N, C-alpha and C. Protein backbone atom coordinates (compact mmCIF):
# COMPACT_ATOMS: atom_id res chain seq x y z
N MET A 1 64.63 38.95 55.80
CA MET A 1 64.71 37.24 55.95
C MET A 1 62.66 37.25 55.35
N ILE A 2 62.24 36.28 55.05
CA ILE A 2 61.08 35.79 53.70
C ILE A 2 60.38 36.15 55.80
N THR A 3 59.10 36.80 54.80
CA THR A 3 58.25 36.07 56.23
C THR A 3 56.39 36.36 55.27
N ASP A 4 55.38 35.97 56.47
CA ASP A 4 54.32 36.65 55.79
C ASP A 4 53.97 37.38 55.49
N LYS A 5 54.56 38.17 55.49
CA LYS A 5 53.86 40.37 55.12
C LYS A 5 55.11 40.37 54.18
N ASN A 6 55.88 39.44 53.75
CA ASN A 6 56.51 40.23 52.95
C ASN A 6 56.86 38.98 51.90
N VAL A 7 54.97 38.57 51.46
CA VAL A 7 55.17 37.32 50.62
C VAL A 7 53.84 37.84 48.87
N ILE A 8 54.28 37.34 48.35
CA ILE A 8 52.75 37.70 47.65
C ILE A 8 52.97 36.40 46.56
N SER A 9 51.78 36.29 46.24
CA SER A 9 52.02 35.37 45.21
C SER A 9 51.92 35.87 44.04
N ILE A 10 51.52 34.76 42.09
CA ILE A 10 51.61 35.51 41.57
C ILE A 10 50.06 35.32 41.44
N SER A 11 49.32 34.86 41.64
CA SER A 11 48.13 35.25 41.64
C SER A 11 47.56 36.33 42.17
N GLN A 12 48.02 36.78 43.75
CA GLN A 12 46.75 37.77 44.64
C GLN A 12 47.74 39.19 43.80
N MET A 13 49.04 38.82 43.02
CA MET A 13 49.49 39.90 42.05
C MET A 13 48.74 40.47 41.08
N ARG A 14 47.81 39.90 40.11
CA ARG A 14 47.42 39.49 39.03
C ARG A 14 46.78 40.50 39.06
N LYS A 15 45.69 40.12 41.10
CA LYS A 15 44.58 40.29 41.13
C LYS A 15 44.53 41.95 41.66
N GLU A 16 45.88 41.61 42.39
CA GLU A 16 45.48 42.71 43.14
C GLU A 16 46.91 44.01 42.77
N THR A 17 47.31 44.06 41.70
CA THR A 17 48.60 44.54 41.36
C THR A 17 48.79 45.95 42.66
N GLU A 18 47.91 46.98 42.25
CA GLU A 18 48.01 48.02 42.89
C GLU A 18 47.75 48.39 44.46
N SER A 19 47.39 47.03 44.95
CA SER A 19 47.58 46.70 46.44
C SER A 19 49.58 46.47 46.79
N VAL A 20 49.60 45.41 45.91
CA VAL A 20 50.85 45.13 45.82
C VAL A 20 51.67 45.56 46.21
N LEU A 21 51.84 46.23 45.22
CA LEU A 21 53.01 47.63 44.85
C LEU A 21 53.40 49.30 45.79
N ASP A 22 51.15 49.30 46.49
CA ASP A 22 51.25 49.99 47.76
C ASP A 22 51.95 49.93 48.76
N LYS A 23 51.58 48.05 48.73
CA LYS A 23 53.49 47.78 50.74
C LYS A 23 54.28 47.39 50.47
N VAL A 24 54.92 47.19 49.52
CA VAL A 24 55.97 47.10 48.18
C VAL A 24 56.98 48.25 48.96
N LYS A 25 55.93 50.07 48.96
CA LYS A 25 56.62 50.54 48.99
C LYS A 25 56.28 50.87 50.46
N ASN A 26 55.46 50.75 50.96
CA ASN A 26 55.20 51.00 52.68
C ASN A 26 55.96 49.91 53.80
N LEU A 27 56.19 49.20 52.91
CA LEU A 27 56.56 47.75 53.64
C LEU A 27 58.24 47.86 53.90
N GLY A 28 59.53 48.87 53.21
CA GLY A 28 60.62 49.26 53.63
C GLY A 28 61.22 48.13 53.90
N GLN A 29 61.06 46.66 52.69
CA GLN A 29 62.16 45.29 52.80
C GLN A 29 60.87 45.24 51.65
N PRO A 30 62.27 44.17 50.72
CA PRO A 30 61.78 43.16 49.59
C PRO A 30 60.70 41.75 50.17
N VAL A 31 60.23 42.82 48.92
CA VAL A 31 58.44 41.23 48.90
C VAL A 31 58.56 40.23 47.22
N TYR A 32 58.75 39.58 48.04
CA TYR A 32 59.39 37.66 47.65
C TYR A 32 57.85 37.76 46.34
N LEU A 33 57.52 36.90 45.17
CA LEU A 33 56.82 37.10 44.49
C LEU A 33 56.91 35.49 44.68
N PHE A 34 56.03 34.04 44.28
CA PHE A 34 56.39 33.22 44.55
C PHE A 34 55.36 32.18 43.38
N SER A 35 55.88 32.06 43.05
CA SER A 35 54.38 30.46 41.66
C SER A 35 55.29 29.66 42.02
N ARG A 36 54.17 28.52 42.56
CA ARG A 36 54.59 26.81 42.25
C ARG A 36 55.63 26.94 44.14
N SER A 37 55.16 27.51 45.29
CA SER A 37 56.44 27.55 46.08
C SER A 37 57.92 28.26 45.57
N GLN A 38 58.27 28.86 44.36
CA GLN A 38 59.82 29.16 44.64
C GLN A 38 59.02 31.00 43.89
N ILE A 39 60.42 30.99 44.50
CA ILE A 39 60.62 32.48 44.02
C ILE A 39 61.08 33.19 42.41
N LYS A 40 60.02 33.84 42.39
CA LYS A 40 60.45 34.11 41.21
C LYS A 40 60.16 36.35 40.81
N ALA A 41 60.56 36.11 41.07
CA ALA A 41 60.52 38.14 41.66
C ALA A 41 60.94 38.16 42.74
N VAL A 42 61.85 39.35 43.51
CA VAL A 42 61.80 40.60 44.71
C VAL A 42 61.42 41.41 43.29
N LEU A 43 60.39 42.09 44.44
CA LEU A 43 59.62 43.94 44.50
C LEU A 43 60.85 44.25 45.58
N LEU A 44 61.30 45.62 44.96
CA LEU A 44 61.64 46.54 46.43
C LEU A 44 61.04 47.57 45.38
N ASN A 45 61.65 48.76 46.93
CA ASN A 45 60.62 49.97 46.99
C ASN A 45 62.07 51.17 45.76
N PRO A 46 61.34 51.84 45.61
CA PRO A 46 62.58 52.27 44.34
C PRO A 46 63.49 53.08 44.76
N GLU A 47 63.20 53.60 45.71
CA GLU A 47 64.01 54.57 46.74
C GLU A 47 65.26 53.57 47.32
N GLU A 48 64.98 52.05 47.90
CA GLU A 48 66.10 51.55 48.51
C GLU A 48 66.83 51.09 47.74
N PHE A 49 66.47 50.19 46.17
CA PHE A 49 66.62 50.02 45.08
C PHE A 49 67.92 51.29 44.70
N ALA A 50 67.89 52.47 45.08
CA ALA A 50 68.18 53.06 44.12
C ALA A 50 69.54 53.14 45.39
N LYS A 51 69.70 53.13 47.05
CA LYS A 51 70.47 53.65 48.48
C LYS A 51 71.86 51.98 47.46
N MET A 52 70.77 50.66 47.40
CA MET A 52 71.19 49.65 47.08
C MET A 52 72.33 49.38 45.84
N GLN A 53 71.98 50.51 44.58
CA GLN A 53 73.20 50.95 43.79
C GLN A 53 73.67 50.96 43.87
N GLU A 54 73.86 52.28 44.83
CA GLU A 54 74.40 53.33 45.52
C GLU A 54 75.46 52.28 46.64
N LEU A 55 75.56 51.58 47.13
CA LEU A 55 76.25 50.83 47.52
C LEU A 55 76.60 50.15 46.86
N ILE A 56 76.47 49.36 45.92
CA ILE A 56 77.29 48.79 44.61
C ILE A 56 78.53 49.46 43.92
N GLU A 57 77.52 50.95 43.19
CA GLU A 57 79.61 51.34 42.67
C GLU A 57 80.19 51.81 43.61
N ASN A 58 79.70 51.99 44.74
CA ASN A 58 80.58 52.15 46.19
C ASN A 58 81.22 51.20 46.42
N TYR A 59 81.18 50.55 46.03
CA TYR A 59 81.73 49.03 46.07
C TYR A 59 83.20 48.72 45.56
N HIS A 60 82.28 49.05 43.87
CA HIS A 60 82.91 48.56 42.52
C HIS A 60 84.34 50.46 42.75
N ASP A 61 83.84 51.10 43.16
CA ASP A 61 84.31 52.51 43.07
C ASP A 61 85.91 51.90 44.48
N GLN A 62 85.63 51.64 45.23
CA GLN A 62 86.83 51.31 46.56
C GLN A 62 87.31 49.84 45.36
N ARG A 63 86.56 48.98 45.35
CA ARG A 63 87.81 47.75 44.40
C ARG A 63 89.15 48.41 43.45
N GLU A 64 88.27 49.80 42.83
CA GLU A 64 89.29 50.25 42.05
C GLU A 64 89.63 50.74 42.67
N LEU A 65 90.41 52.02 43.28
CA LEU A 65 91.48 52.21 43.68
C LEU A 65 92.42 51.48 44.70
N LEU A 66 91.08 50.35 45.17
CA LEU A 66 92.83 49.36 45.25
C LEU A 66 93.14 48.71 44.81
N GLY A 67 93.39 48.92 43.54
CA GLY A 67 94.09 47.86 42.36
C GLY A 67 95.14 49.13 42.39
N VAL A 68 94.65 49.83 42.68
CA VAL A 68 95.91 51.24 41.74
C VAL A 68 97.60 51.14 42.10
N THR A 69 98.14 51.19 41.31
CA THR A 69 99.52 51.08 41.39
C THR A 69 100.32 51.41 42.14
N GLU A 70 101.40 52.46 43.02
CA GLU A 70 102.87 53.08 43.07
C GLU A 70 102.50 54.07 42.71
N ASP A 71 102.92 53.98 41.48
CA ASP A 71 103.28 54.52 40.06
C ASP A 71 101.83 55.49 39.66
N GLU A 72 100.84 54.85 39.69
CA GLU A 72 100.19 55.70 39.32
C GLU A 72 99.23 56.88 39.93
N LEU A 73 99.68 56.59 41.59
CA LEU A 73 99.21 57.32 43.56
C LEU A 73 100.63 58.28 42.66
N LYS A 74 101.75 57.54 43.05
CA LYS A 74 102.34 58.17 42.70
C LYS A 74 102.24 59.71 41.57
N GLN A 75 101.90 59.42 40.22
CA GLN A 75 101.77 61.19 39.10
C GLN A 75 100.04 61.35 40.07
N ALA A 76 98.79 60.98 40.44
CA ALA A 76 98.42 61.48 41.43
C ALA A 76 97.83 62.45 41.70
N GLU A 77 99.83 61.72 42.44
CA GLU A 77 100.08 63.46 43.86
C GLU A 77 100.88 63.62 42.74
N ASP A 78 102.05 64.50 42.59
CA ASP A 78 102.49 65.16 41.09
C ASP A 78 101.00 65.49 41.03
N TRP A 79 100.08 65.06 39.84
CA TRP A 79 99.11 65.84 39.10
C TRP A 79 98.37 66.79 40.91
N ASN A 80 97.61 66.45 41.05
CA ASN A 80 97.84 67.93 42.61
C ASN A 80 98.35 68.65 42.92
N LYS A 81 100.25 68.40 43.10
CA LYS A 81 100.57 69.76 43.20
C LYS A 81 101.32 70.76 41.83
N VAL A 82 101.24 69.85 40.44
CA VAL A 82 100.34 71.10 39.46
C VAL A 82 99.95 71.74 39.91
N LYS A 83 98.62 70.71 40.31
CA LYS A 83 97.39 71.60 39.94
C LYS A 83 97.30 73.10 41.48
N ALA A 84 97.52 72.37 42.10
CA ALA A 84 98.21 73.71 43.73
C ALA A 84 99.13 74.56 42.72
N LYS A 85 99.84 74.16 42.36
CA LYS A 85 100.47 75.52 42.27
C LYS A 85 99.41 76.59 40.48
N VAL A 86 98.67 75.84 39.75
CA VAL A 86 97.79 76.93 39.58
C VAL A 86 97.53 78.24 39.30
C-alpha cells in the first residue's frame, strides 16, 4: 500500500540518495519513486527482492509440475524403482 512513509520524489532521491537507500533497507516494504505524480520505479530491500524471486520460481516450478503427463509421471516412478535397486 502506498503511504506517506513509502513515497519518495525523484528530486529527494537525487539530493538524499544515501538516506533514501537506508529507508528502503529499513522500512521492510517497497518504496515508490514518483516523478510528476506518476510512479517511475519501485525500490525494494535486496532480501525482500530475493524472497519474491524465490516465490516466483516456486510458482513456475509448480506450474511446470502440474503440466506433467501421466506417462511422464509413470516414467519418473519407474526411474525411482531402478534407482532404488542400484
